[in-house]
């Protein structure tokens, strides 16, 4: 029996397993450091505006909006969030606009948030947010537009 048959298979020439491991762990450390830095430097959300402070639905909607939507739509919903200009496709929607491209009925607003908007960078949030959360963020979108929150978005008994 030759000694070649009992040795471990060798990686292809030019690939150093130890170097690959070090590079992998260095990348993980960089990603972890970036996430930590982002969280430390991120501007904390202030208290809700007085106009909505007494409305639990709008406070919840604002919390979700600040966590999920502000990056593209901006704090006031004008479509001027920090990532808006770097997105491919049509400009981010201005939620404070008088007309909404995908409709302004509560079911249409919830559908866009839940399913996204084809041909745009608007992602589908239906797999992340449950129905009460979708209703809350939809209600907050109406608030940003200066519109009255439709009764259909409010939990039963809270109209």
N, C-alpha and C. Protein backbone atom coordinates (compact mmCIF):
# COMPACT_ATOMS: atom_id res chain seq x y z
N UNK A 1 0.85 -1.18 0.00
CA UNK A 1 0.00 0.00 0.00
C UNK A 1 0.89 1.24 0.00
N UNK A 2 0.59 2.18 -0.88
CA UNK A 2 1.42 3.38 -0.92
C UNK A 2 0.96 4.38 0.13
N UNK A 3 1.81 5.29 0.50
CA UNK A 3 1.48 6.27 1.54
C UNK A 3 0.47 7.30 1.06
N UNK A 4 0.32 7.46 -0.24
CA UNK A 4 -0.63 8.44 -0.78
C UNK A 4 -2.08 8.05 -0.47
N UNK A 5 -2.35 6.77 -0.35
CA UNK A 5 -3.72 6.31 -0.12
C UNK A 5 -4.19 6.59 1.30
N UNK A 6 -3.31 6.77 2.25
CA UNK A 6 -3.70 6.96 3.65
C UNK A 6 -3.70 8.43 4.07
N UNK A 7 -3.30 9.32 3.21
CA UNK A 7 -3.27 10.74 3.58
C UNK A 7 -4.60 11.40 3.26
N UNK A 8 -4.86 12.50 3.98
CA UNK A 8 -6.09 13.27 3.74
C UNK A 8 -6.05 13.92 2.37
N UNK A 9 -7.21 14.08 1.77
CA UNK A 9 -7.22 14.81 0.49
C UNK A 9 -6.75 16.24 0.73
N UNK A 10 -5.98 16.76 -0.16
CA UNK A 10 -5.43 18.10 -0.04
C UNK A 10 -6.31 19.08 -0.84
N UNK A 11 -6.43 20.31 -0.33
CA UNK A 11 -7.19 21.30 -1.08
C UNK A 11 -6.45 21.64 -2.36
N UNK A 12 -7.17 22.19 -3.33
CA UNK A 12 -6.50 22.57 -4.58
C UNK A 12 -5.37 23.55 -4.29
N UNK A 13 -4.36 23.55 -5.13
CA UNK A 13 -3.23 24.47 -4.91
C UNK A 13 -3.72 25.92 -4.84
N UNK A 14 -3.13 26.69 -3.94
CA UNK A 14 -3.45 28.11 -3.85
C UNK A 14 -4.49 28.46 -2.80
N UNK A 15 -5.18 27.48 -2.22
CA UNK A 15 -6.18 27.78 -1.20
C UNK A 15 -5.61 27.37 0.16
N UNK A 16 -5.44 28.32 0.99
CA UNK A 16 -4.91 28.07 2.33
C UNK A 16 -6.09 28.10 3.29
N UNK A 17 -6.39 26.96 3.90
CA UNK A 17 -7.55 26.86 4.79
C UNK A 17 -7.46 27.81 5.98
N UNK A 18 -6.28 27.94 6.55
CA UNK A 18 -6.11 28.83 7.70
C UNK A 18 -6.35 30.29 7.30
N UNK A 19 -5.82 30.68 6.15
CA UNK A 19 -6.03 32.05 5.67
C UNK A 19 -7.52 32.29 5.39
N UNK A 20 -8.18 31.31 4.80
CA UNK A 20 -9.62 31.44 4.52
C UNK A 20 -10.41 31.62 5.81
N UNK A 21 -10.06 30.84 6.82
CA UNK A 21 -10.74 30.96 8.12
C UNK A 21 -10.51 32.35 8.73
N UNK A 22 -9.28 32.80 8.68
CA UNK A 22 -8.97 34.13 9.24
C UNK A 22 -9.74 35.23 8.50
N UNK A 23 -9.81 35.13 7.19
CA UNK A 23 -10.56 36.12 6.41
C UNK A 23 -12.04 36.08 6.78
N UNK A 24 -12.59 34.89 6.89
CA UNK A 24 -14.00 34.73 7.25
C UNK A 24 -14.29 35.37 8.61
N UNK A 25 -13.46 35.07 9.61
CA UNK A 25 -13.69 35.62 10.94
C UNK A 25 -13.45 37.13 10.98
N UNK A 26 -12.52 37.61 10.18
CA UNK A 26 -12.29 39.06 10.10
C UNK A 26 -13.52 39.76 9.51
N UNK A 27 -14.12 39.15 8.49
CA UNK A 27 -15.34 39.73 7.91
C UNK A 27 -16.48 39.72 8.92
N UNK A 28 -16.61 38.64 9.66
CA UNK A 28 -17.65 38.59 10.70
C UNK A 28 -17.42 39.68 11.74
N UNK A 29 -16.17 39.88 12.14
CA UNK A 29 -15.84 40.92 13.11
C UNK A 29 -16.17 42.31 12.55
N UNK A 30 -15.86 42.53 11.28
CA UNK A 30 -16.19 43.81 10.65
C UNK A 30 -17.70 44.05 10.63
N UNK A 31 -18.45 43.04 10.25
CA UNK A 31 -19.92 43.17 10.23
C UNK A 31 -20.46 43.43 11.63
N UNK A 32 -19.95 42.71 12.60
CA UNK A 32 -20.38 42.92 13.98
C UNK A 32 -20.03 44.32 14.46
N UNK A 33 -18.83 44.77 14.14
CA UNK A 33 -18.41 46.12 14.52
C UNK A 33 -19.26 47.19 13.84
N UNK A 34 -19.60 46.98 12.57
CA UNK A 34 -20.45 47.93 11.86
C UNK A 34 -21.83 47.99 12.49
N UNK A 35 -22.39 46.84 12.81
CA UNK A 35 -23.72 46.82 13.43
C UNK A 35 -23.69 47.50 14.80
N UNK A 36 -22.66 47.24 15.58
CA UNK A 36 -22.53 47.87 16.89
C UNK A 36 -22.39 49.38 16.75
N UNK A 37 -21.54 49.82 15.83
CA UNK A 37 -21.34 51.25 15.60
C UNK A 37 -22.64 51.91 15.16
N UNK A 38 -23.34 51.29 14.24
CA UNK A 38 -24.62 51.83 13.77
C UNK A 38 -25.58 52.01 14.94
N UNK A 39 -25.71 51.00 15.76
CA UNK A 39 -26.64 51.07 16.89
C UNK A 39 -26.22 52.11 17.93
N UNK A 40 -24.92 52.29 18.11
CA UNK A 40 -24.44 53.28 19.08
C UNK A 40 -24.63 54.71 18.57
N UNK A 41 -24.47 54.90 17.26
CA UNK A 41 -24.55 56.24 16.69
C UNK A 41 -25.93 56.62 16.18
N UNK A 42 -26.81 55.65 16.09
CA UNK A 42 -28.15 55.91 15.57
C UNK A 42 -28.87 56.90 16.50
N UNK A 43 -29.48 57.88 15.88
CA UNK A 43 -30.21 58.88 16.64
C UNK A 43 -31.45 58.22 17.26
N UNK A 44 -31.56 58.28 18.59
CA UNK A 44 -32.74 57.65 19.20
C UNK A 44 -34.01 58.43 18.86
N UNK A 45 -35.09 57.70 18.74
CA UNK A 45 -36.36 58.35 18.45
C UNK A 45 -36.80 59.13 19.67
N UNK A 46 -37.22 60.33 19.43
CA UNK A 46 -37.73 61.15 20.51
C UNK A 46 -39.14 60.73 20.86
N UNK A 47 -39.74 61.42 21.79
CA UNK A 47 -41.12 61.10 22.15
C UNK A 47 -42.04 61.42 20.98
N UNK A 48 -43.20 60.77 20.93
CA UNK A 48 -44.12 61.05 19.83
C UNK A 48 -44.63 62.49 19.92
N UNK A 49 -44.98 63.08 18.79
CA UNK A 49 -45.54 64.43 18.81
C UNK A 49 -46.81 64.48 19.66
N UNK A 50 -47.07 65.63 20.23
CA UNK A 50 -48.26 65.79 21.08
C UNK A 50 -49.53 65.41 20.35
N UNK A 51 -49.57 65.66 19.04
CA UNK A 51 -50.77 65.38 18.25
C UNK A 51 -51.15 63.90 18.27
N UNK A 52 -50.18 63.01 18.50
CA UNK A 52 -50.50 61.58 18.49
C UNK A 52 -50.21 60.90 19.82
N UNK A 53 -49.62 61.60 20.76
CA UNK A 53 -49.18 60.98 22.02
C UNK A 53 -50.31 60.26 22.75
N UNK A 54 -51.54 60.71 22.62
CA UNK A 54 -52.66 60.08 23.31
C UNK A 54 -53.36 59.02 22.49
N UNK A 55 -52.84 58.70 21.32
CA UNK A 55 -53.48 57.72 20.43
C UNK A 55 -52.57 56.50 20.31
N UNK A 56 -52.86 55.42 21.04
CA UNK A 56 -51.99 54.23 21.03
C UNK A 56 -51.76 53.65 19.63
N UNK A 57 -52.77 53.72 18.76
CA UNK A 57 -52.62 53.18 17.41
C UNK A 57 -51.55 53.96 16.65
N UNK A 58 -51.60 55.29 16.73
CA UNK A 58 -50.62 56.10 16.02
C UNK A 58 -49.24 56.02 16.65
N UNK A 59 -49.18 55.89 17.95
CA UNK A 59 -47.87 55.72 18.62
C UNK A 59 -47.23 54.41 18.17
N UNK A 60 -48.01 53.33 18.12
CA UNK A 60 -47.50 52.06 17.63
C UNK A 60 -47.09 52.16 16.17
N UNK A 61 -47.92 52.81 15.37
CA UNK A 61 -47.61 52.99 13.95
C UNK A 61 -46.33 53.77 13.75
N UNK A 62 -46.13 54.80 14.55
CA UNK A 62 -44.91 55.61 14.47
C UNK A 62 -43.68 54.76 14.81
N UNK A 63 -43.78 53.95 15.85
CA UNK A 63 -42.67 53.09 16.25
C UNK A 63 -42.28 52.16 15.11
N UNK A 64 -43.26 51.55 14.48
CA UNK A 64 -43.00 50.64 13.36
C UNK A 64 -42.42 51.43 12.18
N UNK A 65 -43.02 52.57 11.89
CA UNK A 65 -42.57 53.41 10.78
C UNK A 65 -41.10 53.80 10.98
N UNK A 66 -40.73 54.23 12.18
CA UNK A 66 -39.36 54.64 12.43
C UNK A 66 -38.39 53.47 12.32
N UNK A 67 -38.85 52.28 12.64
CA UNK A 67 -37.99 51.10 12.57
C UNK A 67 -37.88 50.55 11.15
N UNK A 68 -38.93 50.65 10.36
CA UNK A 68 -38.98 49.96 9.07
C UNK A 68 -39.03 50.88 7.84
N UNK A 69 -39.57 52.07 7.96
CA UNK A 69 -39.91 52.86 6.78
C UNK A 69 -39.09 54.13 6.61
N UNK A 70 -38.58 54.66 7.72
CA UNK A 70 -37.94 55.97 7.69
C UNK A 70 -36.70 55.99 6.80
N UNK A 71 -36.03 54.87 6.63
CA UNK A 71 -34.84 54.83 5.79
C UNK A 71 -35.10 55.27 4.37
N UNK A 72 -36.25 54.92 3.83
CA UNK A 72 -36.59 55.30 2.46
C UNK A 72 -37.52 56.52 2.43
N UNK A 73 -38.57 56.49 3.24
CA UNK A 73 -39.59 57.54 3.17
C UNK A 73 -39.23 58.80 3.96
N UNK A 74 -38.25 58.72 4.86
CA UNK A 74 -37.87 59.88 5.66
C UNK A 74 -38.79 60.08 6.85
N UNK A 75 -38.36 60.90 7.80
CA UNK A 75 -39.12 61.09 9.04
C UNK A 75 -40.50 61.67 8.81
N UNK A 76 -40.64 62.53 7.81
CA UNK A 76 -41.94 63.15 7.56
C UNK A 76 -42.69 62.51 6.41
N UNK A 77 -42.15 61.43 5.84
CA UNK A 77 -42.84 60.70 4.78
C UNK A 77 -42.69 61.28 3.40
N UNK A 78 -41.77 62.19 3.20
CA UNK A 78 -41.64 62.86 1.90
C UNK A 78 -40.81 62.07 0.87
N UNK A 79 -40.36 60.88 1.22
CA UNK A 79 -39.58 60.08 0.29
C UNK A 79 -38.12 60.49 0.25
N UNK A 80 -37.66 61.16 1.30
CA UNK A 80 -36.30 61.68 1.33
C UNK A 80 -35.45 61.04 2.42
N UNK A 81 -35.68 59.76 2.69
CA UNK A 81 -34.89 59.06 3.69
C UNK A 81 -33.45 58.89 3.23
N UNK A 82 -32.55 58.52 4.14
CA UNK A 82 -31.13 58.43 3.80
C UNK A 82 -30.80 57.43 2.70
N UNK A 83 -31.61 56.42 2.50
CA UNK A 83 -31.32 55.44 1.43
C UNK A 83 -32.11 55.69 0.16
N UNK A 84 -33.01 56.66 0.16
CA UNK A 84 -33.92 56.89 -0.97
C UNK A 84 -33.18 57.15 -2.28
N UNK A 85 -32.14 57.95 -2.27
CA UNK A 85 -31.45 58.30 -3.51
C UNK A 85 -30.63 57.16 -4.08
N UNK A 86 -30.27 56.19 -3.25
CA UNK A 86 -29.43 55.10 -3.74
C UNK A 86 -30.25 53.93 -4.29
N UNK A 87 -31.56 54.01 -4.22
CA UNK A 87 -32.41 52.92 -4.70
C UNK A 87 -32.58 52.97 -6.21
N UNK A 88 -32.66 51.81 -6.81
CA UNK A 88 -32.87 51.69 -8.24
C UNK A 88 -34.38 51.70 -8.50
N UNK A 89 -34.78 52.31 -9.59
CA UNK A 89 -36.19 52.34 -9.95
C UNK A 89 -36.78 53.72 -9.73
N UNK A 90 -38.11 53.77 -9.74
CA UNK A 90 -38.77 55.06 -9.57
C UNK A 90 -38.49 55.65 -8.19
N UNK A 91 -38.62 56.97 -8.06
CA UNK A 91 -38.38 57.61 -6.77
C UNK A 91 -39.30 57.04 -5.68
N UNK A 92 -38.82 57.12 -4.45
CA UNK A 92 -39.61 56.66 -3.30
C UNK A 92 -40.86 57.53 -3.19
N UNK A 93 -41.98 56.90 -2.86
CA UNK A 93 -43.23 57.64 -2.77
C UNK A 93 -43.23 58.68 -1.66
N UNK A 94 -43.85 59.82 -1.95
CA UNK A 94 -44.04 60.89 -0.98
C UNK A 94 -45.38 60.65 -0.29
N UNK A 95 -45.32 60.19 0.94
CA UNK A 95 -46.54 59.85 1.68
C UNK A 95 -47.32 61.08 2.13
N UNK A 96 -46.66 62.25 2.09
CA UNK A 96 -47.34 63.47 2.49
C UNK A 96 -48.04 64.15 1.31
N UNK A 97 -47.93 63.53 0.14
CA UNK A 97 -48.53 64.04 -1.09
C UNK A 97 -50.06 63.99 -1.02
N UNK A 98 -50.70 64.82 -1.83
CA UNK A 98 -52.17 64.84 -1.86
C UNK A 98 -52.74 63.58 -2.50
N UNK A 99 -52.02 63.01 -3.45
CA UNK A 99 -52.51 61.79 -4.10
C UNK A 99 -51.47 60.69 -3.94
N UNK A 100 -51.97 59.49 -3.75
CA UNK A 100 -51.09 58.34 -3.61
C UNK A 100 -51.22 57.46 -4.84
N UNK A 101 -50.11 57.12 -5.43
CA UNK A 101 -50.04 56.37 -6.68
C UNK A 101 -50.78 55.03 -6.62
N UNK A 102 -50.75 54.37 -5.50
CA UNK A 102 -51.33 53.03 -5.39
C UNK A 102 -52.69 53.02 -4.69
N UNK A 103 -53.29 54.18 -4.52
CA UNK A 103 -54.61 54.28 -3.92
C UNK A 103 -54.56 54.74 -2.48
N UNK A 104 -55.67 55.32 -2.03
CA UNK A 104 -55.69 55.86 -0.66
C UNK A 104 -56.79 55.26 0.22
N UNK A 105 -57.44 54.22 -0.27
CA UNK A 105 -58.39 53.50 0.60
C UNK A 105 -57.59 52.66 1.59
N UNK A 106 -58.11 52.46 2.79
CA UNK A 106 -57.36 51.69 3.79
C UNK A 106 -56.90 50.31 3.29
N UNK A 107 -57.76 49.61 2.55
CA UNK A 107 -57.36 48.29 2.05
C UNK A 107 -56.21 48.40 1.04
N UNK A 108 -56.19 49.48 0.25
CA UNK A 108 -55.12 49.67 -0.72
C UNK A 108 -53.80 50.01 -0.02
N UNK A 109 -53.87 50.85 0.98
CA UNK A 109 -52.67 51.24 1.73
C UNK A 109 -52.09 50.01 2.43
N UNK A 110 -52.94 49.25 3.08
CA UNK A 110 -52.46 48.03 3.77
C UNK A 110 -51.88 47.03 2.77
N UNK A 111 -52.49 46.93 1.60
CA UNK A 111 -52.01 45.99 0.59
C UNK A 111 -50.61 46.37 0.11
N UNK A 112 -50.38 47.66 -0.13
CA UNK A 112 -49.04 48.10 -0.56
C UNK A 112 -48.01 47.81 0.52
N UNK A 113 -48.37 48.07 1.77
CA UNK A 113 -47.42 47.81 2.85
C UNK A 113 -47.18 46.31 3.01
N UNK A 114 -48.22 45.54 2.93
CA UNK A 114 -48.10 44.08 3.12
C UNK A 114 -47.44 43.38 1.94
N UNK A 115 -47.76 43.80 0.71
CA UNK A 115 -47.30 43.07 -0.47
C UNK A 115 -46.21 43.81 -1.26
N UNK A 116 -45.90 45.03 -0.88
CA UNK A 116 -44.92 45.80 -1.62
C UNK A 116 -45.56 46.39 -2.88
N UNK A 117 -44.76 47.07 -3.67
CA UNK A 117 -45.25 47.67 -4.92
C UNK A 117 -44.36 47.20 -6.06
N UNK A 118 -44.97 46.48 -7.01
CA UNK A 118 -44.22 45.95 -8.15
C UNK A 118 -43.52 47.07 -8.91
N UNK A 119 -42.32 46.80 -9.35
CA UNK A 119 -41.58 47.75 -10.15
C UNK A 119 -40.94 48.87 -9.34
N UNK A 120 -41.02 48.77 -8.01
CA UNK A 120 -40.41 49.78 -7.14
C UNK A 120 -39.54 49.07 -6.11
N UNK A 121 -38.88 49.85 -5.28
CA UNK A 121 -38.06 49.28 -4.21
C UNK A 121 -38.88 49.01 -2.96
N UNK A 122 -40.18 49.27 -3.00
CA UNK A 122 -41.04 49.06 -1.82
C UNK A 122 -41.15 47.56 -1.54
N UNK A 123 -40.60 47.11 -0.40
CA UNK A 123 -40.66 45.68 -0.07
C UNK A 123 -42.01 45.30 0.53
N UNK A 124 -42.25 44.02 0.57
CA UNK A 124 -43.45 43.48 1.22
C UNK A 124 -43.16 43.28 2.70
N UNK A 125 -44.00 43.84 3.56
CA UNK A 125 -43.82 43.71 5.00
C UNK A 125 -44.81 42.73 5.62
N UNK A 126 -45.66 42.12 4.80
CA UNK A 126 -46.67 41.21 5.31
C UNK A 126 -46.11 39.99 6.02
N UNK A 127 -44.92 39.56 5.65
CA UNK A 127 -44.30 38.42 6.32
C UNK A 127 -43.60 38.80 7.61
N UNK A 128 -43.47 40.10 7.86
CA UNK A 128 -42.77 40.59 9.04
C UNK A 128 -43.75 41.17 10.06
N UNK A 129 -44.74 41.90 9.55
CA UNK A 129 -45.72 42.57 10.42
C UNK A 129 -47.02 41.79 10.43
N UNK A 130 -47.63 41.69 11.61
CA UNK A 130 -48.94 41.04 11.69
C UNK A 130 -50.03 42.07 11.38
N UNK A 131 -51.28 41.62 11.33
CA UNK A 131 -52.38 42.51 10.92
C UNK A 131 -52.50 43.76 11.80
N UNK A 132 -52.46 43.67 13.13
CA UNK A 132 -52.54 44.90 13.93
C UNK A 132 -51.38 45.86 13.65
N UNK A 133 -50.19 45.32 13.39
CA UNK A 133 -49.05 46.19 13.08
C UNK A 133 -49.22 46.85 11.71
N UNK A 134 -49.74 46.09 10.73
CA UNK A 134 -50.01 46.66 9.41
C UNK A 134 -51.04 47.78 9.52
N UNK A 135 -52.06 47.57 10.34
CA UNK A 135 -53.08 48.61 10.54
C UNK A 135 -52.48 49.85 11.20
N UNK A 136 -51.62 49.63 12.18
CA UNK A 136 -51.01 50.75 12.91
C UNK A 136 -50.12 51.59 12.00
N UNK A 137 -49.26 50.94 11.22
CA UNK A 137 -48.38 51.71 10.35
C UNK A 137 -49.18 52.36 9.23
N UNK A 138 -50.22 51.72 8.76
CA UNK A 138 -51.10 52.34 7.76
C UNK A 138 -51.75 53.59 8.33
N UNK A 139 -52.22 53.50 9.57
CA UNK A 139 -52.82 54.67 10.22
C UNK A 139 -51.81 55.79 10.33
N UNK A 140 -50.57 55.46 10.66
CA UNK A 140 -49.54 56.49 10.79
C UNK A 140 -49.25 57.15 9.44
N UNK A 141 -49.33 56.39 8.36
CA UNK A 141 -49.16 56.96 7.02
C UNK A 141 -50.23 58.01 6.76
N UNK A 142 -51.46 57.73 7.16
CA UNK A 142 -52.53 58.73 7.02
C UNK A 142 -52.20 59.99 7.83
N UNK A 143 -51.70 59.78 9.03
CA UNK A 143 -51.30 60.92 9.87
C UNK A 143 -50.23 61.76 9.18
N UNK A 144 -49.21 61.09 8.61
CA UNK A 144 -48.14 61.82 7.92
C UNK A 144 -48.69 62.65 6.76
N UNK A 145 -49.73 62.16 6.13
CA UNK A 145 -50.33 62.87 5.00
C UNK A 145 -51.29 63.97 5.46
N UNK A 146 -51.47 64.09 6.76
CA UNK A 146 -52.39 65.10 7.27
C UNK A 146 -53.84 64.72 7.07
N UNK A 147 -54.08 63.43 6.95
CA UNK A 147 -55.45 62.93 6.73
C UNK A 147 -56.00 62.31 8.00
N UNK A 148 -57.29 62.26 8.07
CA UNK A 148 -57.96 61.61 9.19
C UNK A 148 -57.74 60.10 9.06
N UNK A 149 -57.45 59.45 10.18
CA UNK A 149 -57.25 58.01 10.18
C UNK A 149 -58.59 57.33 9.96
N UNK A 150 -58.71 56.50 8.92
CA UNK A 150 -59.97 55.80 8.66
C UNK A 150 -60.36 54.88 9.81
N UNK A 151 -61.63 54.85 10.11
CA UNK A 151 -62.17 54.02 11.19
C UNK A 151 -61.83 52.55 10.96
N UNK A 152 -61.76 52.12 9.70
CA UNK A 152 -61.48 50.71 9.38
C UNK A 152 -60.12 50.25 9.90
N UNK A 153 -59.20 51.16 10.13
CA UNK A 153 -57.86 50.80 10.59
C UNK A 153 -57.80 50.67 12.11
N UNK A 154 -58.77 51.21 12.79
CA UNK A 154 -58.75 51.19 14.26
C UNK A 154 -59.29 49.87 14.78
N UNK A 155 -58.74 49.39 15.90
CA UNK A 155 -59.27 48.17 16.51
C UNK A 155 -60.75 48.38 16.90
N UNK A 156 -61.55 47.33 16.83
CA UNK A 156 -62.96 47.46 17.20
C UNK A 156 -63.11 48.04 18.61
N UNK A 157 -64.06 48.94 18.76
CA UNK A 157 -64.36 49.52 20.06
C UNK A 157 -63.48 50.72 20.42
N UNK A 158 -62.56 51.13 19.52
CA UNK A 158 -61.70 52.26 19.83
C UNK A 158 -61.97 53.47 18.93
N UNK A 159 -63.01 53.39 18.13
CA UNK A 159 -63.30 54.49 17.22
C UNK A 159 -63.55 55.70 18.03
